[in-house]
PDB file of N, CA and C in Angstrom:
ATOM      1  N   MET A   1     -12.079  15.024 -15.786  1.00  0.00           N
ATOM      2  CA  MET A   1     -11.370  14.474 -14.654  1.00  0.00           C
ATOM      3  C   MET A   1      -9.942  15.020 -14.659  1.00  0.00           C
ATOM      4  N   GLN A   2      -9.560  15.588 -13.547  1.00  0.00           N
ATOM      5  CA  GLN A   2      -8.231  16.174 -13.401  1.00  0.00           C
ATOM      6  C   GLN A   2      -7.285  15.158 -12.773  1.00  0.00           C
ATOM      7  N   LYS A   3      -6.042  15.091 -13.253  1.00  0.00           N
ATOM      8  CA  LYS A   3      -5.020  14.197 -12.689  1.00  0.00           C
ATOM      9  C   LYS A   3      -4.272  14.952 -11.606  1.00  0.00           C
ATOM     10  N   VAL A   4      -4.218  14.361 -10.419  1.00  0.00           N
ATOM     11  CA  VAL A   4      -3.510  14.950  -9.285  1.00  0.00           C
ATOM     12  C   VAL A   4      -2.179  14.229  -9.134  1.00  0.00           C
ATOM     13  N   ASP A   5      -1.083  14.982  -9.004  1.00  0.00           N
ATOM     14  CA  ASP A   5       0.229  14.374  -8.784  1.00  0.00           C
ATOM     15  C   ASP A   5       0.421  14.167  -7.286  1.00  0.00           C
ATOM     16  N   ILE A   6       0.048  13.000  -6.828  1.00  0.00           N
ATOM     17  CA  ILE A   6       0.109  12.684  -5.398  1.00  0.00           C
ATOM     18  C   ILE A   6       1.519  12.831  -4.847  1.00  0.00           C
ATOM     19  N   ARG A   7       2.495  12.486  -5.633  1.00  0.00           N
ATOM     20  CA  ARG A   7       3.880  12.511  -5.132  1.00  0.00           C
ATOM     21  C   ARG A   7       4.267  13.894  -4.596  1.00  0.00           C
ATOM     22  N   LYS A   8       3.696  14.945  -5.192  1.00  0.00           N
ATOM     23  CA  LYS A   8       4.000  16.306  -4.730  1.00  0.00           C
ATOM     24  C   LYS A   8       3.373  16.607  -3.373  1.00  0.00           C
ATOM     25  N   LEU A   9       2.400  15.809  -2.959  1.00  0.00           N
ATOM     26  CA  LEU A   9       1.710  16.034  -1.691  1.00  0.00           C
ATOM     27  C   LEU A   9       2.338  15.259  -0.533  1.00  0.00           C
ATOM     28  N   LEU A  10       3.300  14.401  -0.848  1.00  0.00           N
ATOM     29  CA  LEU A  10       3.876  13.526   0.172  1.00  0.00           C
ATOM     30  C   LEU A  10       5.288  13.950   0.559  1.00  0.00           C
ATOM     31  N   LYS A  11       5.611  13.806   1.838  1.00  0.00           N
ATOM     32  CA  LYS A  11       6.986  14.046   2.293  1.00  0.00           C
ATOM     33  C   LYS A  11       7.912  12.992   1.702  1.00  0.00           C
ATOM     34  N   ASP A  12       7.414  11.759   1.611  1.00  0.00           N
ATOM     35  CA  ASP A  12       8.177  10.654   1.032  1.00  0.00           C
ATOM     36  C   ASP A  12       7.409  10.105  -0.165  1.00  0.00           C
ATOM     37  N   PRO A  13       7.667  10.648  -1.358  1.00  0.00           N
ATOM     38  CA  PRO A  13       6.920  10.235  -2.549  1.00  0.00           C
ATOM     39  C   PRO A  13       7.055   8.750  -2.883  1.00  0.00           C
ATOM     40  N   SER A  14       8.094   8.096  -2.352  1.00  0.00           N
ATOM     41  CA  SER A  14       8.279   6.672  -2.649  1.00  0.00           C
ATOM     42  C   SER A  14       7.186   5.803  -2.025  1.00  0.00           C
ATOM     43  N   LEU A  15       6.387   6.366  -1.126  1.00  0.00           N
ATOM     44  CA  LEU A  15       5.294   5.598  -0.520  1.00  0.00           C
ATOM     45  C   LEU A  15       4.143   5.364  -1.494  1.00  0.00           C
ATOM     46  N   PHE A  16       4.063   6.172  -2.546  1.00  0.00           N
ATOM     47  CA  PHE A  16       2.989   6.016  -3.531  1.00  0.00           C
ATOM     48  C   PHE A  16       3.422   5.005  -4.587  1.00  0.00           C
ATOM     49  N   LYS A  17       2.698   3.911  -4.666  1.00  0.00           N
ATOM     50  CA  LYS A  17       3.027   2.844  -5.615  1.00  0.00           C
ATOM     51  C   LYS A  17       1.819   2.548  -6.497  1.00  0.00           C
ATOM     52  N   GLU A  18       2.099   2.200  -7.730  1.00  0.00           N
ATOM     53  CA  GLU A  18       1.034   1.802  -8.647  1.00  0.00           C
ATOM     54  C   GLU A  18       1.165   0.326  -9.037  1.00  0.00           C
ATOM     55  N   GLU A  19       2.190  -0.327  -8.534  1.00  0.00           N
ATOM     56  CA  GLU A  19       2.393  -1.744  -8.801  1.00  0.00           C
ATOM     57  C   GLU A  19       1.854  -2.560  -7.626  1.00  0.00           C
ATOM     58  N   ALA A  20       1.883  -3.876  -7.781  1.00  0.00           N
ATOM     59  CA  ALA A  20       1.463  -4.796  -6.719  1.00  0.00           C
ATOM     60  C   ALA A  20       2.710  -5.329  -6.016  1.00  0.00           C
ATOM     61  N   PHE A  21       2.623  -5.504  -4.710  1.00  0.00           N
ATOM     62  CA  PHE A  21       3.750  -6.029  -3.930  1.00  0.00           C
ATOM     63  C   PHE A  21       3.544  -7.526  -3.739  1.00  0.00           C
ATOM     64  N   ILE A  22       4.332  -8.309  -4.463  1.00  0.00           N
ATOM     65  CA  ILE A  22       4.239  -9.767  -4.390  1.00  0.00           C
ATOM     66  C   ILE A  22       5.643 -10.334  -4.255  1.00  0.00           C
ATOM     67  N   ASN A  23       5.808 -11.178  -3.253  1.00  0.00           N
ATOM     68  CA  ASN A  23       7.075 -11.879  -3.026  1.00  0.00           C
ATOM     69  C   ASN A  23       8.250 -10.918  -2.872  1.00  0.00           C
ATOM     70  N   GLY A  24       8.012  -9.827  -2.159  1.00  0.00           N
ATOM     71  CA  GLY A  24       9.086  -8.883  -1.865  1.00  0.00           C
ATOM     72  C   GLY A  24       9.442  -7.935  -2.995  1.00  0.00           C
ATOM     73  N   GLN A  25       8.623  -7.906  -4.050  1.00  0.00           N
ATOM     74  CA  GLN A  25       8.914  -7.040  -5.193  1.00  0.00           C
ATOM     75  C   GLN A  25       7.661  -6.292  -5.634  1.00  0.00           C
ATOM     76  N   TRP A  26       7.874  -5.090  -6.150  1.00  0.00           N
ATOM     77  CA  TRP A  26       6.786  -4.327  -6.769  1.00  0.00           C
ATOM     78  C   TRP A  26       6.724  -4.749  -8.224  1.00  0.00           C
ATOM     79  N   ILE A  27       5.575  -5.290  -8.640  1.00  0.00           N
ATOM     80  CA  ILE A  27       5.449  -5.817 -10.002  1.00  0.00           C
ATOM     81  C   ILE A  27       4.196  -5.276 -10.687  1.00  0.00           C
ATOM     82  N   LYS A  28       4.241  -5.270 -12.007  1.00  0.00           N
ATOM     83  CA  LYS A  28       3.058  -4.941 -12.807  1.00  0.00           C
ATOM     84  C   LYS A  28       2.205  -6.205 -12.927  1.00  0.00           C
ATOM     85  N   ALA A  29       0.953  -6.036 -13.262  1.00  0.00           N
ATOM     86  CA  ALA A  29       0.079  -7.186 -13.492  1.00  0.00           C
ATOM     87  C   ALA A  29       0.615  -7.999 -14.661  1.00  0.00           C
ATOM     88  N   ASP A  30       0.417  -9.309 -14.608  1.00  0.00           N
ATOM     89  CA  ASP A  30       0.851 -10.179 -15.693  1.00  0.00           C
ATOM     90  C   ASP A  30       0.288  -9.702 -17.026  1.00  0.00           C
ATOM     91  N   SER A  31      -0.934  -9.204 -16.994  1.00  0.00           N
ATOM     92  CA  SER A  31      -1.598  -8.713 -18.207  1.00  0.00           C
ATOM     93  C   SER A  31      -1.156  -7.300 -18.589  1.00  0.00           C
ATOM     94  N   SER A  32      -0.419  -6.643 -17.698  1.00  0.00           N
ATOM     95  CA  SER A  32      -0.023  -5.231 -17.828  1.00  0.00           C
ATOM     96  C   SER A  32      -1.218  -4.286 -17.721  1.00  0.00           C
ATOM     97  N   ASN A  33      -2.402  -4.809 -17.419  1.00  0.00           N
ATOM     98  CA  ASN A  33      -3.586  -3.961 -17.276  1.00  0.00           C
ATOM     99  C   ASN A  33      -3.521  -3.151 -15.987  1.00  0.00           C
ATOM    100  N   MET A  34      -4.068  -1.956 -16.061  1.00  0.00           N
ATOM    101  CA  MET A  34      -4.142  -1.056 -14.911  1.00  0.00           C
ATOM    102  C   MET A  34      -5.590  -0.581 -14.796  1.00  0.00           C
ATOM    103  N   PHE A  35      -5.953  -0.092 -13.611  1.00  0.00           N
ATOM    104  CA  PHE A  35      -7.248   0.567 -13.490  1.00  0.00           C
ATOM    105  C   PHE A  35      -7.089   1.870 -12.734  1.00  0.00           C
ATOM    106  N   ASP A  36      -7.977   2.812 -13.045  1.00  0.00           N
ATOM    107  CA  ASP A  36      -7.920   4.145 -12.454  1.00  0.00           C
ATOM    108  C   ASP A  36      -8.369   4.124 -11.001  1.00  0.00           C
ATOM    109  N   VAL A  37      -7.711   4.946 -10.199  1.00  0.00           N
ATOM    110  CA  VAL A  37      -8.135   5.192  -8.820  1.00  0.00           C
ATOM    111  C   VAL A  37      -8.484   6.670  -8.751  1.00  0.00           C
ATOM    112  N   THR A  38      -9.716   6.955  -8.354  1.00  0.00           N
ATOM    113  CA  THR A  38     -10.167   8.342  -8.282  1.00  0.00           C
ATOM    114  C   THR A  38     -10.532   8.709  -6.850  1.00  0.00           C
ATOM    115  N   ASN A  39     -10.398   9.985  -6.564  1.00  0.00           N
ATOM    116  CA  ASN A  39     -10.816  10.516  -5.271  1.00  0.00           C
ATOM    117  C   ASN A  39     -12.338  10.633  -5.315  1.00  0.00           C
ATOM    118  N   PRO A  40     -13.054   9.878  -4.476  1.00  0.00           N
ATOM    119  CA  PRO A  40     -14.515   9.924  -4.540  1.00  0.00           C
ATOM    120  C   PRO A  40     -15.102  11.275  -4.132  1.00  0.00           C
ATOM    121  N   ALA A  41     -14.338  12.077  -3.413  1.00  0.00           N
ATOM    122  CA  ALA A  41     -14.841  13.391  -2.986  1.00  0.00           C
ATOM    123  C   ALA A  41     -14.772  14.418  -4.107  1.00  0.00           C
ATOM    124  N   THR A  42     -13.787  14.261  -5.024  1.00  0.00           N
ATOM    125  CA  THR A  42     -13.587  15.269  -6.065  1.00  0.00           C
ATOM    126  C   THR A  42     -13.714  14.717  -7.483  1.00  0.00           C
ATOM    127  N   GLY A  43     -13.588  13.410  -7.623  1.00  0.00           N
ATOM    128  CA  GLY A  43     -13.582  12.802  -8.950  1.00  0.00           C
ATOM    129  C   GLY A  43     -12.236  12.869  -9.633  1.00  0.00           C
ATOM    130  N   ASP A  44     -11.235  13.474  -8.977  1.00  0.00           N
ATOM    131  CA  ASP A  44      -9.900  13.593  -9.569  1.00  0.00           C
ATOM    132  C   ASP A  44      -9.229  12.224  -9.688  1.00  0.00           C
ATOM    133  N   LEU A  45      -8.497  12.035 -10.773  1.00  0.00           N
ATOM    134  CA  LEU A  45      -7.696  10.832 -10.963  1.00  0.00           C
ATOM    135  C   LEU A  45      -6.449  10.961 -10.098  1.00  0.00           C
ATOM    136  N   ILE A  46      -6.252  10.012  -9.194  1.00  0.00           N
ATOM    137  CA  ILE A  46      -5.077  10.092  -8.317  1.00  0.00           C
ATOM    138  C   ILE A  46      -4.015   9.067  -8.674  1.00  0.00           C
ATOM    139  N   GLY A  47      -4.344   8.135  -9.541  1.00  0.00           N
ATOM    140  CA  GLY A  47      -3.352   7.155  -9.962  1.00  0.00           C
ATOM    141  C   GLY A  47      -3.991   6.003 -10.699  1.00  0.00           C
ATOM    142  N   GLN A  48      -3.149   5.094 -11.104  1.00  0.00           N
ATOM    143  CA  GLN A  48      -3.582   3.847 -11.713  1.00  0.00           C
ATOM    144  C   GLN A  48      -2.843   2.734 -10.988  1.00  0.00           C
ATOM    145  N   VAL A  49      -3.522   1.629 -10.782  1.00  0.00           N
ATOM    146  CA  VAL A  49      -2.888   0.503 -10.100  1.00  0.00           C
ATOM    147  C   VAL A  49      -3.019  -0.761 -10.930  1.00  0.00           C
ATOM    148  N   ALA A  50      -2.129  -1.697 -10.636  1.00  0.00           N
ATOM    149  CA  ALA A  50      -2.110  -2.965 -11.355  1.00  0.00           C
ATOM    150  C   ALA A  50      -3.439  -3.694 -11.186  1.00  0.00           C
ATOM    151  N   ASN A  51      -4.010  -4.113 -12.297  1.00  0.00           N
ATOM    152  CA  ASN A  51      -5.260  -4.876 -12.303  1.00  0.00           C
ATOM    153  C   ASN A  51      -4.888  -6.359 -12.362  1.00  0.00           C
ATOM    154  N   LEU A  52      -4.719  -6.944 -11.191  1.00  0.00           N
ATOM    155  CA  LEU A  52      -4.216  -8.307 -11.106  1.00  0.00           C
ATOM    156  C   LEU A  52      -5.248  -9.333 -11.551  1.00  0.00           C
ATOM    157  N   GLY A  53      -4.746 -10.409 -12.107  1.00  0.00           N
ATOM    158  CA  GLY A  53      -5.609 -11.488 -12.568  1.00  0.00           C
ATOM    159  C   GLY A  53      -5.260 -12.801 -11.886  1.00  0.00           C
ATOM    160  N   PRO A  54      -5.785 -13.907 -12.407  1.00  0.00           N
ATOM    161  CA  PRO A  54      -5.567 -15.219 -11.786  1.00  0.00           C
ATOM    162  C   PRO A  54      -4.094 -15.616 -11.648  1.00  0.00           C
ATOM    163  N   LYS A  55      -3.274 -15.347 -12.655  1.00  0.00           N
ATOM    164  CA  LYS A  55      -1.846 -15.691 -12.552  1.00  0.00           C
ATOM    165  C   LYS A  55      -1.181 -14.919 -11.416  1.00  0.00           C
ATOM    166  N   ASP A  56      -1.537 -13.646 -11.295  1.00  0.00           N
ATOM    167  CA  ASP A  56      -0.973 -12.813 -10.231  1.00  0.00           C
ATOM    168  C   ASP A  56      -1.429 -13.317  -8.864  1.00  0.00           C
ATOM    169  N   ALA A  57      -2.693 -13.709  -8.775  1.00  0.00           N
ATOM    170  CA  ALA A  57      -3.221 -14.235  -7.514  1.00  0.00           C
ATOM    171  C   ALA A  57      -2.487 -15.510  -7.122  1.00  0.00           C
ATOM    172  N   GLU A  58      -2.220 -16.363  -8.081  1.00  0.00           N
ATOM    173  CA  GLU A  58      -1.480 -17.603  -7.804  1.00  0.00           C
ATOM    174  C   GLU A  58      -0.073 -17.288  -7.293  1.00  0.00           C
ATOM    175  N   LEU A  59       0.596 -16.328  -7.922  1.00  0.00           N
ATOM    176  CA  LEU A  59       1.926 -15.912  -7.442  1.00  0.00           C
ATOM    177  C   LEU A  59       1.858 -15.396  -6.009  1.00  0.00           C
ATOM    178  N   ALA A  60       0.840 -14.604  -5.720  1.00  0.00           N
ATOM    179  CA  ALA A  60       0.689 -14.042  -4.377  1.00  0.00           C
ATOM    180  C   ALA A  60       0.424 -15.139  -3.349  1.00  0.00           C
ATOM    181  N   ILE A  61      -0.383 -16.119  -3.709  1.00  0.00           N
ATOM    182  CA  ILE A  61      -0.679 -17.232  -2.794  1.00  0.00           C
ATOM    183  C   ILE A  61       0.581 -18.042  -2.513  1.00  0.00           C
ATOM    184  N   LEU A  62       1.344 -18.341  -3.549  1.00  0.00           N
ATOM    185  CA  LEU A  62       2.593 -19.089  -3.363  1.00  0.00           C
ATOM    186  C   LEU A  62       3.582 -18.304  -2.502  1.00  0.00           C
ATOM    187  N   ALA A  63       3.663 -17.000  -2.736  1.00  0.00           N
ATOM    188  CA  ALA A  63       4.566 -16.155  -1.945  1.00  0.00           C
ATOM    189  C   ALA A  63       4.116 -16.096  -0.487  1.00  0.00           C
ATOM    190  N   ALA A  64       2.809 -16.028  -0.264  1.00  0.00           N
ATOM    191  CA  ALA A  64       2.288 -15.990   1.106  1.00  0.00           C
ATOM    192  C   ALA A  64       2.587 -17.298   1.830  1.00  0.00           C
ATOM    193  N   GLU A  65       2.462 -18.405   1.142  1.00  0.00           N
ATOM    194  CA  GLU A  65       2.775 -19.708   1.753  1.00  0.00           C
ATOM    195  C   GLU A  65       4.252 -19.774   2.145  1.00  0.00           C
ATOM    196  N   LYS A  66       5.118 -19.313   1.249  1.00  0.00           N
ATOM    197  CA  LYS A  66       6.561 -19.298   1.562  1.00  0.00           C
ATOM    198  C   LYS A  66       6.841 -18.373   2.740  1.00  0.00           C
ATOM    199  N   ALA A  67       6.236 -17.197   2.730  1.00  0.00           N
ATOM    200  CA  ALA A  67       6.445 -16.240   3.825  1.00  0.00           C
ATOM    201  C   ALA A  67       5.979 -16.830   5.150  1.00  0.00           C
ATOM    202  N   PHE A  68       4.863 -17.549   5.131  1.00  0.00           N
ATOM    203  CA  PHE A  68       4.371 -18.173   6.358  1.00  0.00           C
ATOM    204  C   PHE A  68       5.366 -19.210   6.872  1.00  0.00           C
ATOM    205  N   GLN A  69       5.923 -20.000   5.971  1.00  0.00           N
ATOM    206  CA  GLN A  69       6.907 -21.008   6.391  1.00  0.00           C
ATOM    207  C   GLN A  69       8.116 -20.339   7.042  1.00  0.00           C
ATOM    208  N   ASP A  70       8.566 -19.233   6.467  1.00  0.00           N
ATOM    209  CA  ASP A  70       9.693 -18.487   7.046  1.00  0.00           C
ATOM    210  C   ASP A  70       9.303 -17.864   8.386  1.00  0.00           C
ATOM    211  N   TRP A  71       8.097 -17.324   8.469  1.00  0.00           N
ATOM    212  CA  TRP A  71       7.628 -16.625   9.677  1.00  0.00           C
ATOM    213  C   TRP A  71       7.483 -17.581  10.856  1.00  0.00           C
ATOM    214  N   LYS A  72       6.946 -18.766  10.602  1.00  0.00           N
ATOM    215  CA  LYS A  72       6.638 -19.666  11.712  1.00  0.00           C
ATOM    216  C   LYS A  72       7.883 -20.229  12.397  1.00  0.00           C
ATOM    217  N   ILE A  73       9.036 -20.163  11.744  1.00  0.00           N
ATOM    218  CA  ILE A  73      10.253 -20.657  12.404  1.00  0.00           C
ATOM    219  C   ILE A  73      11.018 -19.546  13.127  1.00  0.00           C
ATOM    220  N   LYS A  74      10.543 -18.319  13.012  1.00  0.00           N
ATOM    221  CA  LYS A  74      11.176 -17.214  13.738  1.00  0.00           C
ATOM    222  C   LYS A  74      10.800 -17.297  15.211  1.00  0.00           C
ATOM    223  N   THR A  75      11.709 -16.843  16.051  1.00  0.00           N
ATOM    224  CA  THR A  75      11.417 -16.809  17.482  1.00  0.00           C
ATOM    225  C   THR A  75      10.438 -15.676  17.776  1.00  0.00           C
ATOM    226  N   GLY A  76       9.860 -15.726  18.953  1.00  0.00           N
ATOM    227  CA  GLY A  76       8.963 -14.655  19.374  1.00  0.00           C
ATOM    228  C   GLY A  76       9.662 -13.314  19.376  1.00  0.00           C
ATOM    229  N   LYS A  77      10.916 -13.302  19.803  1.00  0.00           N
ATOM    230  CA  LYS A  77      11.678 -12.049  19.831  1.00  0.00           C
ATOM    231  C   LYS A  77      11.904 -11.519  18.414  1.00  0.00           C
ATOM    232  N   GLU A  78      12.233 -12.393  17.478  1.00  0.00           N
ATOM    233  CA  GLU A  78      12.427 -11.965  16.087  1.00  0.00           C
ATOM    234  C   GLU A  78      11.127 -11.393  15.515  1.00  0.00           C
ATOM    235  N   ARG A  79      10.035 -12.066  15.776  1.00  0.00           N
ATOM    236  CA  ARG A  79       8.740 -11.581  15.290  1.00  0.00           C
ATOM    237  C   ARG A  79       8.407 -10.224  15.905  1.00  0.00           C
ATOM    238  N   ALA A  80       8.653 -10.109  17.208  1.00  0.00           N
ATOM    239  CA  ALA A  80       8.375  -8.840  17.897  1.00  0.00           C
ATOM    240  C   ALA A  80       9.209  -7.713  17.305  1.00  0.00           C
ATOM    241  N   ASN A  81      10.470  -7.985  17.000  1.00  0.00           N
ATOM    242  CA  ASN A  81      11.338  -6.956  16.411  1.00  0.00           C
ATOM    243  C   ASN A  81      10.831  -6.522  15.041  1.00  0.00           C
ATOM    244  N   ILE A  82      10.381  -7.480  14.243  1.00  0.00           N
ATOM    245  CA  ILE A  82       9.843  -7.157  12.916  1.00  0.00           C
ATOM    246  C   ILE A  82       8.568  -6.330  13.049  1.00  0.00           C
ATOM    247  N   MET A  83       7.682  -6.745  13.938  1.00  0.00           N
ATOM    248  CA  MET A  83       6.427  -6.015  14.138  1.00  0.00           C
ATOM    249  C   MET A  83       6.688  -4.614  14.686  1.00  0.00           C
ATOM    250  N   ARG A  84       7.669  -4.484  15.563  1.00  0.00           N
ATOM    251  CA  ARG A  84       7.994  -3.163  16.115  1.00  0.00           C
ATOM    252  C   ARG A  84       8.536  -2.246  15.020  1.00  0.00           C
ATOM    253  N   LYS A  85       9.383  -2.794  14.156  1.00  0.00           N
ATOM    254  CA  LYS A  85       9.921  -1.986  13.051  1.00  0.00           C
ATOM    255  C   LYS A  85       8.783  -1.517  12.140  1.00  0.00           C
ATOM    256  N   TRP A  86       7.840  -2.406  11.869  1.00  0.00           N
ATOM    257  CA  TRP A  86       6.684  -2.060  11.039  1.00  0.00           C
ATOM    258  C   TRP A  86       5.887  -0.943  11.707  1.00  0.00           C
ATOM    259  N   PHE A  87       5.619  -1.080  13.000  1.00  0.00           N
ATOM    260  CA  PHE A  87       4.913  -0.046  13.758  1.00  0.00           C
ATOM    261  C   PHE A  87       5.654   1.287  13.669  1.00  0.00           C
ATOM    262  N   ASP A  88       6.968   1.257  13.894  1.00  0.00           N
ATOM    263  CA  ASP A  88       7.766   2.489  13.846  1.00  0.00           C
ATOM    264  C   ASP A  88       7.677   3.159  12.477  1.00  0.00           C
ATOM    265  N   LEU A  89       7.690   2.362  11.413  1.00  0.00           N
ATOM    266  CA  LEU A  89       7.573   2.925  10.062  1.00  0.00           C
ATOM    267  C   LEU A  89       6.197   3.548   9.833  1.00  0.00           C
ATOM    268  N   ILE A  90       5.161   2.910  10.339  1.00  0.00           N
ATOM    269  CA  ILE A  90       3.810   3.475  10.208  1.00  0.00           C
ATOM    270  C   ILE A  90       3.735   4.813  10.933  1.00  0.00           C
ATOM    271  N   ILE A  91       4.235   4.861  12.160  1.00  0.00           N
ATOM    272  CA  ILE A  91       4.195   6.100  12.939  1.00  0.00           C
ATOM    273  C   ILE A  91       5.026   7.189  12.259  1.00  0.00           C
ATOM    274  N   ALA A  92       6.199   6.836  11.752  1.00  0.00           N
ATOM    275  CA  ALA A  92       7.071   7.815  11.094  1.00  0.00           C
ATOM    276  C   ALA A  92       6.434   8.381   9.825  1.00  0.00           C
ATOM    277  N   ASN A  93       5.533   7.626   9.221  1.00  0.00           N
ATOM    278  CA  ASN A  93       4.918   8.042   7.952  1.00  0.00           C
ATOM    279  C   ASN A  93       3.419   8.296   8.080  1.00  0.00           C
ATOM    280  N   THR A  94       2.966   8.585   9.291  1.00  0.00           N
ATOM    281  CA  THR A  94       1.535   8.760   9.544  1.00  0.00           C
ATOM    282  C   THR A  94       0.903   9.786   8.613  1.00  0.00           C
ATOM    283  N   GLN A  95       1.513  10.955   8.469  1.00  0.00           N
ATOM    284  CA  GLN A  95       0.893  12.011   7.649  1.00  0.00           C
ATOM    285  C   GLN A  95       0.757  11.598   6.191  1.00  0.00           C
ATOM    286  N   ASP A  96       1.803  11.000   5.636  1.00  0.00           N
ATOM    287  CA  ASP A  96       1.723  10.569   4.238  1.00  0.00           C
ATOM    288  C   ASP A  96       0.691   9.456   4.060  1.00  0.00           C
ATOM    289  N   LEU A  97       0.665   8.502   4.969  1.00  0.00           N
ATOM    290  CA  LEU A  97      -0.312   7.417   4.869  1.00  0.00           C
ATOM    291  C   LEU A  97      -1.736   7.955   4.994  1.00  0.00           C
ATOM    292  N   ALA A  98      -1.932   8.900   5.899  1.00  0.00           N
ATOM    293  CA  ALA A  98      -3.257   9.515   6.061  1.00  0.00           C
ATOM    294  C   ALA A  98      -3.649  10.298   4.807  1.00  0.00           C
ATOM    295  N   THR A  99      -2.703  10.997   4.211  1.00  0.00           N
ATOM    296  CA  THR A  99      -2.974  11.734   2.970  1.00  0.00           C
ATOM    297  C   THR A  99      -3.407  10.776   1.867  1.00  0.00           C
ATOM    298  N   LEU A 100      -2.691   9.667   1.721  1.00  0.00           N
ATOM    299  CA  LEU A 100      -3.057   8.673   0.709  1.00  0.00           C
ATOM    300  C   LEU A 100      -4.457   8.116   0.958  1.00  0.00           C
ATOM    301  N   MET A 101      -4.766   7.798   2.211  1.00  0.00           N
ATOM    302  CA  MET A 101      -6.102   7.279   2.540  1.00  0.00           C
ATOM    303  C   MET A 101      -7.186   8.300   2.219  1.00  0.00           C
ATOM    304  N   THR A 102      -6.933   9.546   2.570  1.00  0.00           N
ATOM    305  CA  THR A 102      -7.916  10.601   2.319  1.00  0.00           C
ATOM    306  C   THR A 102      -8.178  10.759   0.827  1.00  0.00           C
ATOM    307  N   LEU A 103      -7.125  10.776   0.035  1.00  0.00           N
ATOM    308  CA  LEU A 103      -7.291  10.933  -1.408  1.00  0.00           C
ATOM    309  C   LEU A 103      -8.002   9.737  -2.030  1.00  0.00           C
ATOM    310  N   GLU A 104      -7.683   8.548  -1.570  1.00  0.00           N
ATOM    311  CA  GLU A 104      -8.275   7.344  -2.151  1.00  0.00           C
ATOM    312  C   GLU A 104      -9.706   7.110  -1.679  1.00  0.00           C
ATOM    313  N   GLN A 105      -9.992   7.461  -0.435  1.00  0.00           N
ATOM    314  CA  GLN A 105     -11.294   7.128   0.134  1.00  0.00           C
ATOM    315  C   GLN A 105     -12.234   8.324   0.265  1.00  0.00           C
ATOM    316  N   GLY A 106     -11.694   9.540   0.148  1.00  0.00           N
ATOM    317  CA  GLY A 106     -12.530  10.726   0.236  1.00  0.00           C
ATOM    318  C   GLY A 106     -12.935  11.103   1.650  1.00  0.00           C
ATOM    319  N   LYS A 107     -12.287  10.503   2.636  1.00  0.00           N
ATOM    320  CA  LYS A 107     -12.647  10.801   4.026  1.00  0.00           C
ATOM    321  C   LYS A 107     -11.843  11.993   4.530  1.00  0.00           C
ATOM    322  N   PRO A 108     -12.276  12.632   5.604  1.00  0.00           N
ATOM    323  CA  PRO A 108     -11.524  13.763   6.163  1.00  0.00           C
ATOM    324  C   PRO A 108     -10.130  13.327   6.635  1.00  0.00           C
ATOM    325  N   LEU A 109      -9.173  14.225   6.493  1.00  0.00           N
ATOM    326  CA  LEU A 109      -7.791  13.920   6.868  1.00  0.00           C
ATOM    327  C   LEU A 109      -7.672  13.540   8.342  1.00  0.00           C
ATOM    328  N   VAL A 110      -8.416  14.211   9.205  1.00  0.00           N
ATOM    329  CA  VAL A 110      -8.331  13.897  10.630  1.00  0.00           C
ATOM    330  C   VAL A 110      -8.786  12.460  10.896  1.00  0.00           C
ATOM    331  N   GLU A 111      -9.787  12.001  10.168  1.00  0.00           N
ATOM    332  CA  GLU A 111     -10.252  10.617  10.324  1.00  0.00           C
ATOM    333  C   GLU A 111      -9.195   9.631   9.830  1.00  0.00           C
ATOM    334  N   SER A 112      -8.591   9.928   8.690  1.00  0.00           N
ATOM    335  CA  SER A 112      -7.533   9.064   8.159  1.00  0.00           C
ATOM    336  C   SER A 112      -6.343   9.016   9.108  1.00  0.00           C
ATOM    337  N   THR A 113      -5.981  10.168   9.660  1.00  0.00           N
ATOM    338  CA  THR A 113      -4.854  10.225  10.593  1.00  0.00           C
ATOM    339  C   THR A 113      -5.137   9.354  11.814  1.00  0.00           C
ATOM    340  N   GLY A 114      -6.340   9.446  12.340  1.00  0.00           N
ATOM    341  CA  GLY A 114      -6.716   8.618  13.477  1.00  0.00           C
ATOM    342  C   GLY A 114      -6.686   7.138  13.152  1.00  0.00           C
ATOM    343  N   GLU A 115      -7.115   6.792  11.951  1.00  0.00           N
ATOM    344  CA  GLU A 115      -7.125   5.389  11.541  1.00  0.00           C
ATOM    345  C   GLU A 115      -5.708   4.843  11.406  1.00  0.00           C
ATOM    346  N   VAL A 116      -4.800   5.632  10.856  1.00  0.00           N
ATOM    347  CA  VAL A 116      -3.408   5.197  10.740  1.00  0.00           C
ATOM    348  C   VAL A 116      -2.799   5.018  12.126  1.00  0.00           C
ATOM    349  N   ALA A 117      -3.061   5.954  13.015  1.00  0.00           N
ATOM    350  CA  ALA A 117      -2.481   5.906  14.363  1.00  0.00           C
ATOM    351  C   ALA A 117      -3.065   4.773  15.192  1.00  0.00           C
ATOM    352  N   TYR A 118      -4.285   4.362  14.881  1.00  0.00           N
ATOM    353  CA  TYR A 118      -4.948   3.320  15.653  1.00  0.00           C
ATOM    354  C   TYR A 118      -4.313   1.983  15.375  1.00  0.00           C
TER     355      TYR A 118
END
């Protein structure tokens, strides 16, 4: 199995993460365990990601509940602005996101690009 340096394939290497995003932070699993992610089309190792367990899931659930409480008091305009910013970031990073999807899922790049744009 060959290790591929995904960061070299991306315009913005910071988009490639191996940690979990919980409560606004990138964190390692409580157990520090990781698992391999391979490209199913080639068998190449493309990275390792945090292997989250029950403690991590509990943290994520608590963070989601807090985020929901914050979200529900925002006005429609505030929510729309946040969603628009998210959309703009997805569009600005379409190629990198499609590359990541292709490597992780083994699908053709054109299909991944269409899925990101959709």
